Amino acid sequence: MSSNGAREVILAYLSTFVIGPGGQASRNEIRDWCFTNQHRYGVRVDSNTFKQQMGKMIIGNAKNVNEGHDECLDNVFSSSSKGNSILTVHDPKL
């Protein structure tokens, strides 16, 4: 059984499309790509799971604060992404 989950597939999307700190991507594009390609990473979830995971990965979002890992593994997207259809990858230099 794979230990990968929705977060790992989302991170694979960012890596595949070389979206780093300060880069942006559409929530819908991420969700659709992840749902279509999740089998490559040993993941089998519905598309809503990716939507929920993206919310959890926004720094300061309620899901991030309440359910995020102590190791900050879910701190991927900038707090400015809250409520937006475009997610911005957190840039620690800003």
Protein backbone atom coordinates (compact mmCIF):
# COMPACT_ATOMS: atom_id res chain seq x y z
CA MET A 1 0.00 0.00 0.00
CA SER A 2 1.31 3.43 -0.92
CA SER A 3 1.92 6.06 1.75
CA ASN A 4 1.21 8.78 -0.81
CA GLY A 5 -1.91 10.86 -0.62
CA ALA A 6 -3.49 13.92 -2.18
CA ARG A 7 -0.73 16.21 -0.89
CA GLU A 8 1.97 14.22 -2.68
CA VAL A 9 0.05 14.32 -5.97
CA ILE A 10 -0.42 18.10 -5.65
CA LEU A 11 3.30 18.48 -4.98
CA ALA A 12 3.97 16.31 -8.05
CA TYR A 13 1.83 18.71 -10.12
CA LEU A 14 3.90 21.67 -8.92
CA SER A 15 7.11 19.80 -9.69
CA THR A 16 5.95 18.57 -13.10
CA PHE A 17 5.03 22.08 -14.21
CA VAL A 18 8.02 23.68 -12.41
CA ILE A 19 5.87 25.96 -10.27
CA GLY A 20 8.05 27.19 -7.44
CA PRO A 21 7.96 29.97 -4.84
CA GLY A 22 5.84 32.87 -6.08
CA GLY A 23 4.45 30.79 -8.96
CA GLN A 24 0.75 30.43 -9.54
CA ALA A 25 -1.66 27.75 -10.70
CA SER A 26 -5.41 27.39 -11.06
CA ARG A 27 -7.15 25.31 -8.41
CA ASN A 28 -9.26 23.67 -11.11
CA GLU A 29 -6.24 22.79 -13.25
CA ILE A 30 -4.44 21.31 -10.25
CA ARG A 31 -7.51 19.31 -9.22
CA ASP A 32 -8.15 17.98 -12.73
CA TRP A 33 -4.51 17.03 -13.37
CA CYS A 34 -4.20 15.38 -9.97
CA PHE A 35 -7.40 13.37 -10.39
CA THR A 36 -6.32 12.19 -13.85
CA ASN A 37 -2.72 11.35 -12.87
CA GLN A 38 -3.09 10.13 -9.27
CA HIS A 39 -2.62 6.48 -10.30
CA ARG A 40 1.02 7.29 -11.13
CA TYR A 41 1.59 7.95 -7.44
CA GLY A 42 -0.42 5.03 -6.05
CA VAL A 43 -3.30 7.25 -4.96
CA ARG A 44 -7.03 6.58 -5.45
CA VAL A 45 -9.25 9.39 -4.17
CA ASP A 46 -12.10 11.47 -5.57
CA SER A 47 -11.55 14.92 -7.03
CA ASN A 48 -13.10 16.60 -3.99
CA THR A 49 -10.24 15.23 -1.87
CA PHE A 50 -7.77 17.26 -3.93
CA LYS A 51 -9.93 20.36 -3.45
CA GLN A 52 -9.96 19.83 0.31
CA GLN A 53 -6.22 19.14 0.42
CA MET A 54 -5.44 22.37 -1.46
CA GLY A 55 -7.38 24.28 1.20
CA LYS A 56 -5.38 22.52 3.89
CA MET A 57 -2.15 23.57 2.15
CA ILE A 58 -2.90 27.32 2.33
CA ILE A 59 -0.91 28.85 5.16
CA GLY A 60 -3.20 30.27 7.83
CA ASN A 61 -6.35 28.68 6.37
CA ALA A 62 -8.54 27.07 9.04
CA LYS A 63 -7.82 23.53 7.78
CA ASN A 64 -4.10 24.32 7.72
CA VAL A 65 -4.17 25.60 11.30
CA ASN A 66 -6.44 22.85 12.68
CA GLU A 67 -5.30 19.83 10.66
CA GLY A 68 -1.84 20.71 9.30
CA HIS A 69 1.22 18.68 10.21
CA ASP A 70 3.47 19.92 12.99
CA GLU A 71 6.37 19.62 10.54
CA CYS A 72 4.69 22.27 8.30
CA LEU A 73 4.36 19.77 5.44
CA ASP A 74 1.10 21.43 4.44
CA ASN A 75 2.51 24.98 4.30
CA VAL A 76 2.70 25.23 0.52
CA PHE A 77 0.42 28.01 -0.69
CA SER A 78 0.52 31.64 0.37
CA SER A 79 -2.18 32.99 2.67
CA SER A 80 -3.11 35.38 -0.17
CA SER A 81 -4.57 32.31 -1.93
CA LYS A 82 -7.49 32.09 0.52
CA GLY A 83 -10.76 32.32 -1.39
CA ASN A 84 -9.04 32.72 -4.78
CA SER A 85 -9.30 30.44 -7.80
CA ILE A 86 -5.56 30.90 -8.36
CA LEU A 87 -3.12 29.51 -5.79
CA THR A 88 0.25 31.14 -5.21
CA VAL A 89 3.14 29.01 -3.95
CA HIS A 90 4.51 30.45 -0.72
CA ASP A 91 7.77 32.35 -1.09
CA PRO A 92 9.58 32.48 2.27
CA LYS A 93 11.65 35.44 1.04
CA LEU A 94 8.55 37.68 0.92
